[in-house]
N, C-alpha and C. Protein backbone atom coordinates (compact mmCIF):
# COMPACT_ATOMS: atom_id res chain seq x y z
N MET A 1 1.14 -1.51 -0.33
CA MET A 1 0.02 -0.22 -0.36
C MET A 1 0.87 1.26 0.32
N ALA A 2 0.62 2.25 -0.77
CA ALA A 2 1.49 3.49 -1.26
C ALA A 2 1.39 4.19 0.24
N GLU A 3 2.30 4.59 0.72
CA GLU A 3 2.08 6.11 1.96
C GLU A 3 1.88 7.85 1.40
N THR A 4 1.07 8.19 1.92
CA THR A 4 0.46 9.47 1.88
C THR A 4 1.98 10.21 1.80
N GLN A 5 2.23 10.86 0.91
CA GLN A 5 2.88 11.98 0.77
C GLN A 5 2.55 13.29 0.10
N PRO A 6 2.99 14.46 0.41
CA PRO A 6 2.95 15.66 0.12
C PRO A 6 2.79 15.48 -1.60
N ALA A 7 1.87 16.11 -2.58
CA ALA A 7 1.29 16.25 -3.47
C ALA A 7 1.75 17.26 -4.52
N ARG A 8 2.68 16.66 -5.77
CA ARG A 8 3.24 17.70 -6.31
C ARG A 8 2.78 18.21 -7.46
N ALA A 9 2.95 19.37 -7.32
CA ALA A 9 2.29 20.35 -8.53
C ALA A 9 0.91 21.08 -8.36
N TRP A 10 0.45 21.01 -7.01
CA TRP A 10 -0.62 21.53 -6.50
C TRP A 10 -0.70 22.66 -5.82
N PRO A 11 -1.61 23.43 -6.48
CA PRO A 11 -1.47 24.64 -5.35
C PRO A 11 -1.75 24.57 -3.65
N ASP A 12 -1.16 25.94 -2.99
CA ASP A 12 -0.87 25.94 -1.75
C ASP A 12 -2.31 26.21 -0.81
N ARG A 13 -3.35 26.24 -1.82
CA ARG A 13 -4.92 26.75 -1.14
C ARG A 13 -5.82 25.28 -1.86
N PRO A 14 -6.61 25.31 -1.66
CA PRO A 14 -7.97 24.29 -2.11
C PRO A 14 -8.73 24.92 -3.80
N VAL A 15 -8.78 24.16 -4.23
CA VAL A 15 -8.56 24.33 -5.75
C VAL A 15 -10.21 24.65 -6.14
N THR A 16 -10.55 25.38 -7.28
CA THR A 16 -11.92 25.60 -7.54
C THR A 16 -12.10 24.18 -8.69
N PRO A 17 -13.77 24.10 -8.90
CA PRO A 17 -13.72 22.96 -9.72
C PRO A 17 -13.40 22.99 -11.06
N ALA A 18 -12.69 23.92 -11.63
CA ALA A 18 -12.23 23.91 -12.96
C ALA A 18 -11.10 23.28 -12.84
N GLU A 19 -10.44 23.55 -11.30
CA GLU A 19 -9.02 23.17 -11.40
C GLU A 19 -8.71 21.79 -10.98
N ALA A 20 -9.81 21.34 -10.29
CA ALA A 20 -10.34 20.18 -9.83
C ALA A 20 -10.78 18.84 -11.10
N GLU A 21 -11.68 19.52 -12.30
CA GLU A 21 -11.97 18.90 -13.28
C GLU A 21 -10.76 18.83 -14.65
N ALA A 22 -9.34 20.16 -14.34
CA ALA A 22 -8.44 19.79 -14.89
C ALA A 22 -7.45 18.47 -14.69
N VAL A 23 -7.63 17.44 -13.85
CA VAL A 23 -7.29 16.67 -13.22
C VAL A 23 -7.37 15.41 -14.25
N TYR A 24 -8.72 15.58 -14.35
CA TYR A 24 -9.32 14.91 -15.15
C TYR A 24 -8.85 14.88 -17.01
N GLU A 25 -8.70 16.40 -17.30
CA GLU A 25 -8.39 16.46 -18.42
C GLU A 25 -6.85 16.01 -18.56
N ARG A 26 -5.81 15.93 -17.43
CA ARG A 26 -4.98 15.60 -17.89
C ARG A 26 -3.93 14.46 -17.81
N ALA A 27 -5.03 13.54 -17.22
CA ALA A 27 -4.11 12.11 -17.13
C ALA A 27 -5.29 11.05 -17.55
N ASP A 28 -5.17 10.15 -17.82
CA ASP A 28 -5.72 8.94 -18.36
C ASP A 28 -7.18 8.48 -17.47
N ALA A 29 -8.22 9.36 -17.00
CA ALA A 29 -8.87 9.06 -16.24
C ALA A 29 -10.25 8.72 -16.82
N ARG A 30 -11.05 7.96 -16.24
CA ARG A 30 -12.49 7.60 -16.18
C ARG A 30 -13.36 8.82 -15.88
N GLY A 31 -12.83 9.01 -14.23
CA GLY A 31 -13.60 10.11 -13.60
C GLY A 31 -12.85 10.73 -12.73
N VAL A 32 -13.30 11.71 -12.47
CA VAL A 32 -12.63 12.71 -11.20
C VAL A 32 -13.78 12.62 -10.12
N TRP A 33 -13.80 12.08 -8.70
CA TRP A 33 -15.30 12.61 -7.91
C TRP A 33 -14.52 13.79 -6.93
N VAL A 34 -15.53 14.21 -6.34
CA VAL A 34 -15.07 15.58 -5.39
C VAL A 34 -15.90 14.88 -3.89
N LEU A 35 -15.43 15.32 -2.86
CA LEU A 35 -16.48 15.03 -1.68
C LEU A 35 -16.87 16.85 -1.36
N ASP A 36 -17.81 16.59 -0.84
CA ASP A 36 -18.46 17.77 -0.40
C ASP A 36 -18.66 17.48 1.29
N TYR A 37 -18.10 18.20 1.75
CA TYR A 37 -17.81 18.11 3.29
C TYR A 37 -18.94 18.86 3.93
N GLU A 38 -19.57 18.60 4.89
CA GLU A 38 -20.54 19.22 5.35
C GLU A 38 -19.43 20.22 6.24
N ASP A 39 -20.65 21.53 6.20
CA ASP A 39 -20.14 22.50 6.79
C ASP A 39 -19.52 22.80 8.22
N SER A 40 -19.53 22.10 8.98
CA SER A 40 -19.21 22.10 10.39
C SER A 40 -17.87 21.10 10.32
N VAL A 41 -17.43 20.41 8.84
CA VAL A 41 -16.15 20.12 8.21
C VAL A 41 -15.19 20.73 8.03
N ARG A 42 -16.02 21.33 7.06
CA ARG A 42 -15.47 22.03 5.65
C ARG A 42 -14.58 23.35 6.92
N VAL A 43 -15.23 23.88 7.79
CA VAL A 43 -14.58 24.84 8.71
C VAL A 43 -12.92 24.37 9.01
N ARG A 44 -13.03 23.49 9.64
CA ARG A 44 -11.73 22.95 10.13
C ARG A 44 -10.95 22.74 9.05
N LEU A 45 -11.27 22.64 8.12
CA LEU A 45 -10.18 22.28 6.65
C LEU A 45 -9.81 23.05 5.95
N VAL A 46 -10.51 24.48 5.81
CA VAL A 46 -10.05 25.60 4.72
C VAL A 46 -10.26 26.47 5.64
N PRO A 47 -9.06 27.68 5.20
CA PRO A 47 -9.06 28.67 5.04
C PRO A 47 -10.35 29.83 5.35
N ASP A 48 -10.37 30.78 6.34
CA ASP A 48 -12.13 31.62 6.50
C ASP A 48 -12.27 31.85 5.04
N ASP A 49 -11.27 32.70 3.93
CA ASP A 49 -11.39 33.63 2.98
C ASP A 49 -11.78 32.70 1.94
N THR A 50 -11.68 31.12 1.86
CA THR A 50 -11.95 30.15 1.26
C THR A 50 -13.52 30.12 0.44
N PRO A 51 -13.22 30.61 -1.04
CA PRO A 51 -15.19 30.37 -1.85
C PRO A 51 -15.41 28.79 -1.24
N HIS A 52 -17.02 28.52 -1.55
CA HIS A 52 -17.39 27.94 -0.49
C HIS A 52 -17.37 26.81 -1.61
N GLU A 53 -17.42 26.90 -2.69
CA GLU A 53 -17.42 25.88 -3.79
C GLU A 53 -16.37 25.06 -4.04
N ALA A 54 -14.95 25.72 -3.30
CA ALA A 54 -13.17 25.17 -3.28
C ALA A 54 -13.74 23.52 -2.83
N VAL A 55 -12.56 22.94 -3.78
CA VAL A 55 -12.79 21.70 -3.45
C VAL A 55 -11.43 21.09 -2.65
N VAL A 56 -11.54 20.38 -1.84
CA VAL A 56 -10.62 19.81 -0.64
C VAL A 56 -10.19 18.49 -0.71
N ASP A 57 -10.91 17.79 -1.58
CA ASP A 57 -10.91 16.04 -1.82
C ASP A 57 -10.94 15.92 -3.00
N VAL A 58 -10.43 15.21 -3.90
CA VAL A 58 -10.19 14.78 -4.93
C VAL A 58 -9.98 13.65 -5.40
N VAL A 59 -10.80 12.46 -6.15
CA VAL A 59 -10.07 11.18 -6.49
C VAL A 59 -10.09 11.09 -7.91
N LEU A 60 -9.13 10.70 -8.49
CA LEU A 60 -9.20 10.28 -9.75
C LEU A 60 -9.23 8.73 -10.34
N GLU A 61 -9.95 8.04 -10.82
CA GLU A 61 -10.48 7.33 -10.93
C GLU A 61 -9.91 6.59 -12.63
N THR A 62 -9.10 5.66 -12.63
CA THR A 62 -9.05 5.15 -14.23
C THR A 62 -9.75 3.32 -13.75
N ASP A 63 -8.99 2.82 -15.37
CA ASP A 63 -9.77 1.68 -15.62
C ASP A 63 -9.72 0.55 -14.29
N ALA A 64 -8.54 0.75 -13.63
CA ALA A 64 -7.93 -0.48 -12.84
C ALA A 64 -7.60 0.41 -11.22
N GLU A 65 -7.42 1.96 -11.18
CA GLU A 65 -6.72 2.37 -9.58
C GLU A 65 -7.68 3.83 -9.80
N ILE A 66 -7.34 4.01 -8.71
CA ILE A 66 -7.79 5.00 -8.22
C ILE A 66 -6.48 6.00 -7.28
N ARG A 67 -6.71 7.73 -7.07
CA ARG A 67 -5.74 7.85 -6.79
C ARG A 67 -6.26 8.97 -5.64
N ALA A 68 -6.25 9.33 -4.83
CA ALA A 68 -6.90 10.76 -3.85
C ALA A 68 -5.83 11.75 -3.10
N TYR A 69 -6.52 12.99 -3.29
CA TYR A 69 -5.99 14.55 -3.23
C TYR A 69 -6.42 14.59 -2.31
N THR A 70 -5.63 15.23 -0.91
CA THR A 70 -6.67 16.01 0.03
C THR A 70 -6.08 16.92 0.22
N TYR A 71 -6.55 18.34 0.71
CA TYR A 71 -5.93 19.35 1.21
C TYR A 71 -6.31 19.55 2.87
N THR A 72 -4.91 19.24 3.22
CA THR A 72 -4.84 19.73 4.95
C THR A 72 -3.98 19.95 5.42
N GLY A 73 -4.57 20.72 6.51
CA GLY A 73 -2.94 21.51 7.08
C GLY A 73 -2.69 22.53 6.07
N GLY A 74 -2.87 23.23 5.70
CA GLY A 74 -2.42 24.33 4.50
C GLY A 74 -2.01 23.24 3.22
N ARG A 75 -1.58 22.16 3.11
CA ARG A 75 -1.13 21.63 1.62
C ARG A 75 -1.97 20.66 1.29
N TRP A 76 -1.59 19.98 -0.31
CA TRP A 76 -2.40 18.97 -0.68
C TRP A 76 -1.83 17.77 -0.34
N LEU A 77 -2.44 16.30 -0.03
CA LEU A 77 -1.62 15.17 -0.05
C LEU A 77 -2.15 14.54 -1.08
N ASP A 78 -1.20 13.30 -1.15
CA ASP A 78 -0.94 12.30 -2.43
C ASP A 78 -1.23 11.15 -1.59
N SER A 79 -2.57 10.19 -1.91
CA SER A 79 -2.53 9.24 -1.73
C SER A 79 -1.78 7.67 -2.34
N GLY A 80 -1.07 8.10 -3.85
CA GLY A 80 -0.83 7.23 -4.43
C GLY A 80 -1.49 6.66 -5.04
N TRP A 81 -1.20 5.69 -5.91
CA TRP A 81 -2.09 5.12 -6.75
C TRP A 81 -2.93 3.80 -5.70
N ARG A 82 -3.97 3.46 -6.19
CA ARG A 82 -4.59 1.97 -5.57
C ARG A 82 -5.18 1.37 -6.37
N THR A 83 -5.36 -0.14 -6.20
CA THR A 83 -6.44 -0.39 -7.04
C THR A 83 -8.04 -0.18 -6.77
N THR A 84 -8.95 -0.37 -7.62
CA THR A 84 -9.95 0.30 -7.52
C THR A 84 -11.00 -0.61 -6.37
N ALA A 85 -10.30 -1.46 -6.09
CA ALA A 85 -10.98 -2.89 -5.11
C ALA A 85 -10.30 -2.51 -3.58
N ALA A 86 -9.31 -1.29 -3.37
CA ALA A 86 -8.93 -0.54 -1.92
C ALA A 86 -9.68 0.58 -1.81
N VAL A 87 -10.86 1.09 -2.67
CA VAL A 87 -11.11 2.32 -2.69
C VAL A 87 -11.40 2.64 -1.14
N HIS A 88 -11.89 1.68 -0.24
CA HIS A 88 -12.11 2.26 1.07
C HIS A 88 -10.92 2.45 1.98
N GLU A 89 -9.95 2.38 1.58
CA GLU A 89 -8.50 2.62 2.24
C GLU A 89 -8.11 4.01 1.45
N VAL A 90 -9.08 4.43 0.62
CA VAL A 90 -8.35 6.04 -0.13
C VAL A 90 -9.23 7.01 0.64
N VAL A 91 -10.25 6.88 0.08
CA VAL A 91 -11.40 7.81 0.73
C VAL A 91 -11.64 8.08 2.13
N ALA A 92 -11.72 9.61 2.16
CA ALA A 92 -12.67 10.04 3.44
C ALA A 92 -13.28 9.32 4.21
N GLY A 93 -12.99 9.02 5.07
CA GLY A 93 -14.58 8.04 6.03
C GLY A 93 -14.48 6.78 5.03
N ASP A 94 -15.84 6.31 5.72
CA ASP A 94 -16.56 4.99 5.39
C ASP A 94 -17.42 4.74 4.48
N SER A 95 -18.12 5.73 4.30
CA SER A 95 -18.99 5.99 3.13
C SER A 95 -18.38 6.46 1.66
N LEU A 96 -19.01 6.37 0.72
CA LEU A 96 -18.67 6.57 -0.87
C LEU A 96 -19.84 7.93 -1.07
N SER A 97 -20.61 7.83 0.20
CA SER A 97 -22.21 8.33 -0.38
C SER A 97 -22.31 9.93 -0.90
N ALA A 98 -20.93 10.40 0.40
CA ALA A 98 -20.75 11.58 0.05
C ALA A 98 -19.97 12.51 -0.89
N TYR A 99 -19.47 11.42 -1.74
CA TYR A 99 -18.97 11.97 -3.17
C TYR A 99 -19.54 11.57 -4.17
N ARG A 100 -19.18 12.92 -5.28
CA ARG A 100 -19.92 12.85 -6.39
C ARG A 100 -18.96 13.00 -7.50
N VAL A 101 -19.13 12.48 -8.68
CA VAL A 101 -18.39 12.55 -10.14
C VAL A 101 -18.75 14.00 -10.29
N LEU A 102 -17.34 14.43 -10.62
CA LEU A 102 -17.29 16.03 -11.13
C LEU A 102 -17.13 15.86 -12.50
N SER A 103 -16.26 14.75 -13.53
CA SER A 103 -15.67 14.89 -14.84
C SER A 103 -15.91 13.36 -14.55
N GLY A 104 -16.29 13.19 -16.28
CA GLY A 104 -16.38 11.71 -16.51
C GLY A 104 -17.73 10.74 -16.19
N HIS A 105 -16.82 9.54 -15.92
CA HIS A 105 -17.89 8.74 -14.90
C HIS A 105 -17.35 7.90 -14.25
N SER A 106 -17.94 7.17 -13.26
CA SER A 106 -17.17 6.05 -12.22
C SER A 106 -17.95 4.72 -12.51
N GLU A 107 -17.00 4.00 -12.04
CA GLU A 107 -16.96 2.25 -12.45
C GLU A 107 -17.35 1.96 -10.35
N VAL A 108 -16.95 2.62 -9.96
CA VAL A 108 -17.17 2.87 -8.64
C VAL A 108 -17.80 3.26 -7.82
N LEU A 109 -18.49 4.51 -7.85
CA LEU A 109 -19.26 5.40 -6.86
C LEU A 109 -20.80 4.44 -7.54
């Protein structure tokens, strides 16, 4: 299992939905998912001046693998590639129901 590392080439802030969609366009991806946190959780993850639509959790899905990027502690973290069978090791929490497909489509959600 890959160890979480600081993400390379990600900004030092949450991304816009358009920037999250660009991950899909740059990669050989089937889909990009985002997690919509409840406000009570979101206020602990993002700076006060962050727009409400900003994205702080992005999952890239290919035919066989997924990779999660999470903004926390003022930086983006990269979970590394995992098989789609290991989806519960990658996504935040224990439920996929909070995720939505932002671009493309998903065979996992």
